[in-house]
Amino acid sequence: MGSVDRAELQVSDGVAVLPGIPPICVSLRRSAQARRLNLRVSGLDGRVTLSMPRSLPLAEALGFLRAKEGWLRAALGRAPKRQRVRVGGQILLRGQVRRITESTSVRRIVEDDTLVLVPPDPDGQRTALRLSAYCKAAAQAELIAASEYYAAVLDRPFSAISLRDTRSRWGSCTAQGRLMYSWRLIMAPPQVLRYVAAHEVAHLKHMDHSRAFWACVRQLMPDYVVHRDWLRTNGAELHSYCFKARPAADSG
């Protein structure tokens, strides 16, 4: 494989910038376990990583990256676009897309079938943070209720529940009975959220993904496959919403 002029790709601090419209930032990761080059686009946030063996010359890795540019741009084109949470925009809640609408008649966030009403936000700095807090509180209430229900069915109590904004998994269960969930599950249809709760509670009985484990999940939720497939197909969209407050210089 031929070498590539490093200036063409602007390599710095472990990141290669592939020129073009738009330019693409690629994290370069050397690994003792890697036996070959592996280019990956995260299905959650569109981050691009090129893993490579420790001994591989950088020029060869960059040549590979250049050769894969067409595939990479196509893959990024299929990834969900980042959506900033703001008044006038949309948000997915409980499986329904709702318009974020400012209202002087509310002092707290209110949902209906098509809208999410939010209090006035003159400088545009508070709506995203309010909705983030709202989603976390709603997710906590529903995940606690679902976890308690399924734990009671199995007679396997859990020790604690925590919520995080995880990128690689929707939930987890430790050997000590601590359950962790992504608060973004509140955006999914309610039965999808309940499937994840059933999945993690089943780990209180089976700390693996054996046939016995999946039989336990089916016992708790007979139609779990439908909801698991929804999450596999649509999960990346839940991560496409950006809840950071609008930068002061952003007038868009």
C-alpha atoms as a PDB file:
ATOM      1  CA  MET A   1       0.000   0.000   0.000  1.00  0.00           C
ATOM      2  CA  GLY A   2       1.412   3.371  -0.965  1.00  0.00           C
ATOM      3  CA  SER A   3       2.173   6.135   1.494  1.00  0.00           C
ATOM      4  CA  VAL A   4       0.159   9.316   1.896  1.00  0.00           C
ATOM      5  CA  ASP A   5       1.466  12.814   2.428  1.00  0.00           C
ATOM      6  CA  ARG A   6       0.708  13.559   6.088  1.00  0.00           C
ATOM      7  CA  ALA A   7       0.126  17.258   5.342  1.00  0.00           C
ATOM      8  CA  GLU A   8      -2.766  16.193   3.145  1.00  0.00           C
ATOM      9  CA  LEU A   9      -4.527  14.659   6.144  1.00  0.00           C
ATOM     10  CA  GLN A  10      -3.425  17.055   8.921  1.00  0.00           C
ATOM     11  CA  VAL A  11      -2.511  14.530  11.610  1.00  0.00           C
ATOM     12  CA  SER A  12      -2.191  15.930  15.141  1.00  0.00           C
ATOM     13  CA  ASP A  13      -2.665  14.610  18.705  1.00  0.00           C
ATOM     14  CA  GLY A  14      -3.987  11.249  17.595  1.00  0.00           C
ATOM     15  CA  VAL A  15      -6.544  12.698  15.177  1.00  0.00           C
ATOM     16  CA  ALA A  16      -6.428  12.716  11.375  1.00  0.00           C
ATOM     17  CA  VAL A  17      -8.538  15.274   9.534  1.00  0.00           C
ATOM     18  CA  LEU A  18      -9.607  13.960   6.136  1.00  0.00           C
ATOM     19  CA  PRO A  19     -10.018  17.013   3.869  1.00  0.00           C
ATOM     20  CA  GLY A  20     -13.152  17.507   1.843  1.00  0.00           C
ATOM     21  CA  ILE A  21     -16.672  18.866   2.252  1.00  0.00           C
ATOM     22  CA  PRO A  22     -17.163  18.445   5.065  1.00  0.00           C
ATOM     23  CA  PRO A  23     -13.780  17.501   6.567  1.00  0.00           C
ATOM     24  CA  ILE A  24     -13.868  14.324   8.668  1.00  0.00           C
ATOM     25  CA  CYS A  25     -12.088  13.927  12.006  1.00  0.00           C
ATOM     26  CA  VAL A  26     -10.806  10.383  12.580  1.00  0.00           C
ATOM     27  CA  SER A  27      -9.448   9.228  15.948  1.00  0.00           C
ATOM     28  CA  LEU A  28      -6.306   7.139  15.463  1.00  0.00           C
ATOM     29  CA  ARG A  29      -5.993   4.337  18.009  1.00  0.00           C
ATOM     30  CA  ARG A  30      -3.042   1.955  18.236  1.00  0.00           C
ATOM     31  CA  SER A  31      -3.816  -1.331  19.937  1.00  0.00           C
ATOM     32  CA  ALA A  32      -1.704  -4.285  20.995  1.00  0.00           C
ATOM     33  CA  GLN A  33      -4.687  -6.536  20.221  1.00  0.00           C
ATOM     34  CA  ALA A  34      -5.281  -5.194  16.696  1.00  0.00           C
ATOM     35  CA  ARG A  35      -4.050  -7.499  13.939  1.00  0.00           C
ATOM     36  CA  ARG A  36      -5.293  -5.379  11.055  1.00  0.00           C
ATOM     37  CA  LEU A  37      -6.688  -1.947  10.289  1.00  0.00           C
ATOM     38  CA  ASN A  38     -10.290  -1.410  11.369  1.00  0.00           C
ATOM     39  CA  LEU A  39     -12.275   1.700  10.450  1.00  0.00           C
ATOM     40  CA  ARG A  40     -15.443   2.165  12.490  1.00  0.00           C
ATOM     41  CA  VAL A  41     -18.268   4.713  12.507  1.00  0.00           C
ATOM     42  CA  SER A  42     -20.201   4.797  15.771  1.00  0.00           C
ATOM     43  CA  GLY A  43     -23.892   4.160  15.227  1.00  0.00           C
ATOM     44  CA  LEU A  44     -24.635   6.314  18.263  1.00  0.00           C
ATOM     45  CA  ASP A  45     -22.865   9.580  17.621  1.00  0.00           C
ATOM     46  CA  GLY A  46     -21.096   9.241  14.265  1.00  0.00           C
ATOM     47  CA  ARG A  47     -17.600   9.328  15.747  1.00  0.00           C
ATOM     48  CA  VAL A  48     -14.988   7.773  13.462  1.00  0.00           C
ATOM     49  CA  THR A  49     -12.155   5.602  14.812  1.00  0.00           C
ATOM     50  CA  LEU A  50      -9.302   3.923  12.953  1.00  0.00           C
ATOM     51  CA  SER A  51      -7.745   1.132  15.007  1.00  0.00           C
ATOM     52  CA  MET A  52      -4.335  -0.130  13.946  1.00  0.00           C
ATOM     53  CA  PRO A  53      -1.589  -2.492  15.097  1.00  0.00           C
ATOM     54  CA  ARG A  54       1.114  -0.817  17.177  1.00  0.00           C
ATOM     55  CA  SER A  55       3.882  -1.614  14.693  1.00  0.00           C
ATOM     56  CA  LEU A  56       2.062  -0.456  11.552  1.00  0.00           C
ATOM     57  CA  PRO A  57       3.654   2.619   9.889  1.00  0.00           C
ATOM     58  CA  LEU A  58       1.404   5.657  10.138  1.00  0.00           C
ATOM     59  CA  ALA A  59       1.716   6.332   6.414  1.00  0.00           C
ATOM     60  CA  GLU A  60       0.186   2.933   5.663  1.00  0.00           C
ATOM     61  CA  ALA A  61      -2.740   3.607   8.003  1.00  0.00           C
ATOM     62  CA  LEU A  62      -3.365   6.966   6.360  1.00  0.00           C
ATOM     63  CA  GLY A  63      -3.248   5.374   2.927  1.00  0.00           C
ATOM     64  CA  PHE A  64      -5.917   2.933   4.062  1.00  0.00           C
ATOM     65  CA  LEU A  65      -8.008   5.819   5.377  1.00  0.00           C
ATOM     66  CA  ARG A  66      -7.779   7.679   2.087  1.00  0.00           C
ATOM     67  CA  ALA A  67      -8.742   4.541   0.166  1.00  0.00           C
ATOM     68  CA  LYS A  68     -11.833   4.129   2.353  1.00  0.00           C
ATOM     69  CA  GLU A  69     -12.978   7.762   2.022  1.00  0.00           C
ATOM     70  CA  GLY A  70     -15.929   6.928  -0.233  1.00  0.00           C
ATOM     71  CA  TRP A  71     -17.219   4.231   2.102  1.00  0.00           C
ATOM     72  CA  LEU A  72     -16.671   6.502   5.116  1.00  0.00           C
ATOM     73  CA  ARG A  73     -18.624   9.429   3.692  1.00  0.00           C
ATOM     74  CA  ALA A  74     -21.491   7.129   2.726  1.00  0.00           C
ATOM     75  CA  ALA A  75     -21.585   5.644   6.234  1.00  0.00           C
ATOM     76  CA  LEU A  76     -21.610   9.097   7.823  1.00  0.00           C
ATOM     77  CA  GLY A  77     -24.379  10.159   5.460  1.00  0.00           C
ATOM     78  CA  ARG A  78     -26.569   7.374   6.854  1.00  0.00           C
ATOM     79  CA  ALA A  79     -25.945   8.361  10.487  1.00  0.00           C
ATOM     80  CA  PRO A  80     -28.657  10.381  12.272  1.00  0.00           C
ATOM     81  CA  LYS A  81     -27.994  14.116  12.181  1.00  0.00           C
ATOM     82  CA  ARG A  82     -27.367  15.882  15.478  1.00  0.00           C
ATOM     83  CA  GLN A  83     -30.440  17.819  16.609  1.00  0.00           C
ATOM     84  CA  ARG A  84     -30.131  20.688  19.034  1.00  0.00           C
ATOM     85  CA  VAL A  85     -32.940  20.761  21.582  1.00  0.00           C
ATOM     86  CA  ARG A  86     -34.490  24.233  21.420  1.00  0.00           C
ATOM     87  CA  VAL A  87     -37.749  26.137  21.164  1.00  0.00           C
ATOM     88  CA  GLY A  88     -39.246  25.530  17.725  1.00  0.00           C
ATOM     89  CA  GLY A  89     -37.357  22.274  17.314  1.00  0.00           C
ATOM     90  CA  GLN A  90     -38.513  18.730  17.915  1.00  0.00           C
ATOM     91  CA  ILE A  91     -37.867  16.081  20.515  1.00  0.00           C
ATOM     92  CA  LEU A  92     -38.721  12.400  20.696  1.00  0.00           C
ATOM     93  CA  LEU A  93     -40.554  11.527  23.931  1.00  0.00           C
ATOM     94  CA  ARG A  94     -42.187   8.182  24.744  1.00  0.00           C
ATOM     95  CA  GLY A  95     -41.888   7.209  21.085  1.00  0.00           C
ATOM     96  CA  GLN A  96     -43.658  10.322  19.764  1.00  0.00           C
ATOM     97  CA  VAL A  97     -42.060  13.282  17.988  1.00  0.00           C
ATOM     98  CA  ARG A  98     -43.250  16.483  19.667  1.00  0.00           C
ATOM     99  CA  ARG A  99     -42.690  20.136  18.823  1.00  0.00           C
ATOM    100  CA  ILE A 100     -40.972  22.171  21.543  1.00  0.00           C
ATOM    101  CA  THR A 101     -43.227  25.178  22.030  1.00  0.00           C
ATOM    102  CA  GLU A 102     -42.774  28.152  24.321  1.00  0.00           C
ATOM    103  CA  SER A 103     -45.838  29.120  26.346  1.00  0.00           C
ATOM    104  CA  THR A 104     -46.440  31.925  28.841  1.00  0.00           C
ATOM    105  CA  SER A 105     -49.211  29.841  30.403  1.00  0.00           C
ATOM    106  CA  VAL A 106     -46.899  27.189  31.883  1.00  0.00           C
ATOM    107  CA  ARG A 107     -44.310  27.387  34.650  1.00  0.00           C
ATOM    108  CA  ARG A 108     -43.069  23.844  34.137  1.00  0.00           C
ATOM    109  CA  ILE A 109     -42.772  21.465  31.196  1.00  0.00           C
ATOM    110  CA  VAL A 110     -46.076  19.990  29.994  1.00  0.00           C
ATOM    111  CA  GLU A 111     -46.529  17.246  27.364  1.00  0.00           C
ATOM    112  CA  ASP A 112     -49.454  16.595  25.077  1.00  0.00           C
ATOM    113  CA  ASP A 113     -49.817  14.362  22.018  1.00  0.00           C
ATOM    114  CA  THR A 114     -47.949  16.661  19.630  1.00  0.00           C
ATOM    115  CA  LEU A 115     -46.288  19.373  21.741  1.00  0.00           C
ATOM    116  CA  VAL A 116     -43.948  19.888  24.647  1.00  0.00           C
ATOM    117  CA  LEU A 117     -44.816  23.189  26.269  1.00  0.00           C
ATOM    118  CA  VAL A 118     -41.915  24.962  27.986  1.00  0.00           C
ATOM    119  CA  PRO A 119     -41.760  28.198  30.003  1.00  0.00           C
ATOM    120  CA  PRO A 120     -40.464  31.356  28.291  1.00  0.00           C
ATOM    121  CA  ASP A 121     -36.709  31.348  27.642  1.00  0.00           C
ATOM    122  CA  PRO A 122     -35.717  34.856  26.446  1.00  0.00           C
ATOM    123  CA  ASP A 123     -31.999  34.159  25.949  1.00  0.00           C
ATOM    124  CA  GLY A 124     -32.389  30.586  24.679  1.00  0.00           C
ATOM    125  CA  GLN A 125     -30.111  29.193  27.378  1.00  0.00           C
ATOM    126  CA  ARG A 126     -32.491  27.280  29.640  1.00  0.00           C
ATOM    127  CA  THR A 127     -34.826  25.198  27.475  1.00  0.00           C
ATOM    128  CA  ALA A 128     -32.332  22.426  26.686  1.00  0.00           C
ATOM    129  CA  LEU A 129     -31.269  22.148  30.324  1.00  0.00           C
ATOM    130  CA  ARG A 130     -34.874  22.118  31.526  1.00  0.00           C
ATOM    131  CA  LEU A 131     -35.771  19.374  29.068  1.00  0.00           C
ATOM    132  CA  SER A 132     -32.695  17.365  30.023  1.00  0.00           C
ATOM    133  CA  ALA A 133     -33.713  17.494  33.695  1.00  0.00           C
ATOM    134  CA  TYR A 134     -37.302  16.664  32.755  1.00  0.00           C
ATOM    135  CA  CYS A 135     -36.260  13.619  30.729  1.00  0.00           C
ATOM    136  CA  LYS A 136     -34.011  12.339  33.510  1.00  0.00           C
ATOM    137  CA  ALA A 137     -36.731  12.663  36.145  1.00  0.00           C
ATOM    138  CA  ALA A 138     -39.335  11.001  33.911  1.00  0.00           C
ATOM    139  CA  ALA A 139     -36.946   8.182  32.989  1.00  0.00           C
ATOM    140  CA  GLN A 140     -36.055   7.578  36.623  1.00  0.00           C
ATOM    141  CA  ALA A 141     -39.694   7.309  37.668  1.00  0.00           C
ATOM    142  CA  GLU A 142     -40.605   4.896  34.862  1.00  0.00           C
ATOM    143  CA  LEU A 143     -37.470   2.752  35.128  1.00  0.00           C
ATOM    144  CA  ILE A 144     -37.833   2.393  38.892  1.00  0.00           C
ATOM    145  CA  ALA A 145     -41.470   1.341  38.476  1.00  0.00           C
ATOM    146  CA  ALA A 146     -40.663  -1.164  35.712  1.00  0.00           C
ATOM    147  CA  SER A 147     -37.648  -2.580  37.553  1.00  0.00           C
ATOM    148  CA  GLU A 148     -39.631  -3.016  40.771  1.00  0.00           C
ATOM    149  CA  TYR A 149     -42.404  -4.780  38.865  1.00  0.00           C
ATOM    150  CA  TYR A 150     -40.129  -7.275  37.106  1.00  0.00           C
ATOM    151  CA  ALA A 151     -37.987  -7.838  40.195  1.00  0.00           C
ATOM    152  CA  ALA A 152     -41.137  -8.734  42.118  1.00  0.00           C
ATOM    153  CA  VAL A 153     -42.158 -11.218  39.415  1.00  0.00           C
ATOM    154  CA  LEU A 154     -38.769 -12.955  39.706  1.00  0.00           C
ATOM    155  CA  ASP A 155     -38.503 -12.448  43.470  1.00  0.00           C
ATOM    156  CA  ARG A 156     -35.009 -11.075  42.872  1.00  0.00           C
ATOM    157  CA  PRO A 157     -34.600  -7.652  44.509  1.00  0.00           C
ATOM    158  CA  PHE A 158     -32.081  -5.135  43.179  1.00  0.00           C
ATOM    159  CA  SER A 159     -29.897  -3.029  45.443  1.00  0.00           C
ATOM    160  CA  ALA A 160     -29.835   0.324  43.601  1.00  0.00           C
ATOM    161  CA  ILE A 161     -30.723   2.088  40.348  1.00  0.00           C
ATOM    162  CA  SER A 162     -28.702   4.809  38.647  1.00  0.00           C
ATOM    163  CA  LEU A 163     -29.140   6.717  35.395  1.00  0.00           C
ATOM    164  CA  ARG A 164     -26.398   7.835  33.017  1.00  0.00           C
ATOM    165  CA  ASP A 165     -26.001   9.112  29.482  1.00  0.00           C
ATOM    166  CA  THR A 166     -24.217   5.990  28.277  1.00  0.00           C
ATOM    167  CA  ARG A 167     -23.067   5.605  24.686  1.00  0.00           C
ATOM    168  CA  SER A 168     -22.353   1.894  24.408  1.00  0.00           C
ATOM    169  CA  ARG A 169     -25.221   0.264  26.295  1.00  0.00           C
ATOM    170  CA  TRP A 170     -28.787   0.938  27.359  1.00  0.00           C
ATOM    171  CA  GLY A 171     -28.481  -0.739  30.721  1.00  0.00           C
ATOM    172  CA  SER A 172     -26.361  -2.953  32.925  1.00  0.00           C
ATOM    173  CA  CYS A 173     -26.594  -5.090  36.049  1.00  0.00           C
ATOM    174  CA  THR A 174     -23.762  -5.813  38.476  1.00  0.00           C
ATOM    175  CA  ALA A 175     -23.212  -8.939  40.549  1.00  0.00           C
ATOM    176  CA  GLN A 176     -24.187  -6.819  43.564  1.00  0.00           C
ATOM    177  CA  GLY A 177     -27.618  -6.161  42.069  1.00  0.00           C
ATOM    178  CA  ARG A 178     -27.060  -2.555  40.995  1.00  0.00           C
ATOM    179  CA  LEU A 179     -28.990  -1.590  37.883  1.00  0.00           C
ATOM    180  CA  MET A 180     -27.895   1.194  35.548  1.00  0.00           C
ATOM    181  CA  TYR A 181     -29.929   2.644  32.675  1.00  0.00           C
ATOM    182  CA  SER A 182     -29.579   5.307  30.017  1.00  0.00           C
ATOM    183  CA  TRP A 183     -32.000   8.126  30.757  1.00  0.00           C
ATOM    184  CA  ARG A 184     -32.496   8.548  26.997  1.00  0.00           C
ATOM    185  CA  LEU A 185     -34.785   5.508  27.114  1.00  0.00           C
ATOM    186  CA  ILE A 186     -37.591   7.930  28.004  1.00  0.00           C
ATOM    187  CA  MET A 187     -37.504   8.940  24.337  1.00  0.00           C
ATOM    188  CA  ALA A 188     -38.320   5.399  23.206  1.00  0.00           C
ATOM    189  CA  PRO A 189     -41.829   3.914  23.231  1.00  0.00           C
ATOM    190  CA  PRO A 190     -42.823   2.878  26.788  1.00  0.00           C
ATOM    191  CA  GLN A 191     -42.692  -0.833  25.968  1.00  0.00           C
ATOM    192  CA  VAL A 192     -39.118  -0.457  24.716  1.00  0.00           C
ATOM    193  CA  LEU A 193     -38.129   1.150  28.018  1.00  0.00           C
ATOM    194  CA  ARG A 194     -39.852  -1.704  29.842  1.00  0.00           C
ATOM    195  CA  TYR A 195     -38.002  -4.262  27.703  1.00  0.00           C
ATOM    196  CA  VAL A 196     -34.648  -2.847  28.819  1.00  0.00           C
ATOM    197  CA  ALA A 197     -35.833  -3.006  32.436  1.00  0.00           C
ATOM    198  CA  ALA A 198     -36.917  -6.634  31.966  1.00  0.00           C
ATOM    199  CA  HIS A 199     -33.577  -7.434  30.325  1.00  0.00           C
ATOM    200  CA  GLU A 200     -31.523  -6.006  33.179  1.00  0.00           C
ATOM    201  CA  VAL A 201     -33.727  -7.493  35.906  1.00  0.00           C
ATOM    202  CA  ALA A 202     -33.338 -10.901  34.244  1.00  0.00           C
ATOM    203  CA  HIS A 203     -29.596 -10.518  34.875  1.00  0.00           C
ATOM    204  CA  LEU A 204     -30.353 -10.597  38.599  1.00  0.00           C
ATOM    205  CA  LYS A 205     -31.064 -14.288  37.997  1.00  0.00           C
ATOM    206  CA  HIS A 206     -28.707 -15.045  35.097  1.00  0.00           C
ATOM    207  CA  MET A 207     -25.488 -13.001  34.766  1.00  0.00           C
ATOM    208  CA  ASP A 208     -24.965 -14.012  31.143  1.00  0.00           C
ATOM    209  CA  HIS A 209     -26.812 -14.162  27.836  1.00  0.00           C
ATOM    210  CA  SER A 210     -27.476 -17.886  27.877  1.00  0.00           C
ATOM    211  CA  ARG A 211     -30.628 -19.604  26.680  1.00  0.00           C
ATOM    212  CA  ALA A 212     -31.828 -19.607  30.274  1.00  0.00           C
ATOM    213  CA  PHE A 213     -31.373 -15.838  30.405  1.00  0.00           C
ATOM    214  CA  TRP A 214     -33.403 -15.216  27.252  1.00  0.00           C
ATOM    215  CA  ALA A 215     -36.079 -17.612  28.496  1.00  0.00           C
ATOM    216  CA  CYS A 216     -36.258 -15.476  31.634  1.00  0.00           C
ATOM    217  CA  VAL A 217     -36.629 -12.305  29.560  1.00  0.00           C
ATOM    218  CA  ARG A 218     -39.413 -13.993  27.580  1.00  0.00           C
ATOM    219  CA  GLN A 219     -41.111 -14.942  30.847  1.00  0.00           C
ATOM    220  CA  LEU A 220     -41.103 -11.293  31.892  1.00  0.00           C
ATOM    221  CA  MET A 221     -42.029  -9.912  28.447  1.00  0.00           C
ATOM    222  CA  PRO A 222     -43.258 -12.494  25.924  1.00  0.00           C
ATOM    223  CA  ASP A 223     -43.013 -10.073  22.952  1.00  0.00           C
ATOM    224  CA  TYR A 224     -39.585  -8.693  23.898  1.00  0.00           C
ATOM    225  CA  VAL A 225     -38.124  -9.361  20.423  1.00  0.00           C
ATOM    226  CA  VAL A 226     -40.275  -6.622  18.867  1.00  0.00           C
ATOM    227  CA  HIS A 227     -39.035  -4.043  21.354  1.00  0.00           C
ATOM    228  CA  ARG A 228     -35.421  -5.210  21.183  1.00  0.00           C
ATOM    229  CA  ASP A 229     -35.534  -4.844  17.400  1.00  0.00           C
ATOM    230  CA  TRP A 230     -36.990  -1.335  17.676  1.00  0.00           C
ATOM    231  CA  LEU A 231     -34.054  -0.300  19.839  1.00  0.00           C
ATOM    232  CA  ARG A 232     -31.533  -1.869  17.473  1.00  0.00           C
ATOM    233  CA  THR A 233     -33.080  -0.039  14.514  1.00  0.00           C
ATOM    234  CA  ASN A 234     -33.851   3.323  16.116  1.00  0.00           C
ATOM    235  CA  GLY A 235     -31.508   3.583  19.087  1.00  0.00           C
ATOM    236  CA  ALA A 236     -29.065   5.885  17.328  1.00  0.00           C
ATOM    237  CA  GLU A 237     -31.800   8.506  16.966  1.00  0.00           C
ATOM    238  CA  LEU A 238     -32.103   8.775  20.748  1.00  0.00           C
ATOM    239  CA  HIS A 239     -28.469   9.864  20.855  1.00  0.00           C
ATOM    240  CA  SER A 240     -28.903  12.412  18.072  1.00  0.00           C
ATOM    241  CA  TYR A 241     -30.504  14.982  20.401  1.00  0.00           C
ATOM    242  CA  CYS A 242     -28.082  17.512  21.876  1.00  0.00           C
ATOM    243  CA  PHE A 243     -29.172  18.973  25.222  1.00  0.00           C
ATOM    244  CA  LYS A 244     -26.348  21.462  25.637  1.00  0.00           C
ATOM    245  CA  ALA A 245     -27.409  25.062  26.156  1.00  0.00           C
ATOM    246  CA  ARG A 246     -26.968  27.223  23.083  1.00  0.00           C
ATOM    247  CA  PRO A 247     -23.597  29.002  23.049  1.00  0.00           C
ATOM    248  CA  ALA A 248     -23.965  32.720  23.635  1.00  0.00           C
ATOM    249  CA  ALA A 249     -22.426  33.481  20.220  1.00  0.00           C
ATOM    250  CA  ASP A 250     -24.854  31.146  18.432  1.00  0.00           C
ATOM    251  CA  SER A 251     -27.629  33.203  16.919  1.00  0.00           C
ATOM    252  CA  GLY A 252     -28.917  30.411  14.713  1.00  0.00           C
END
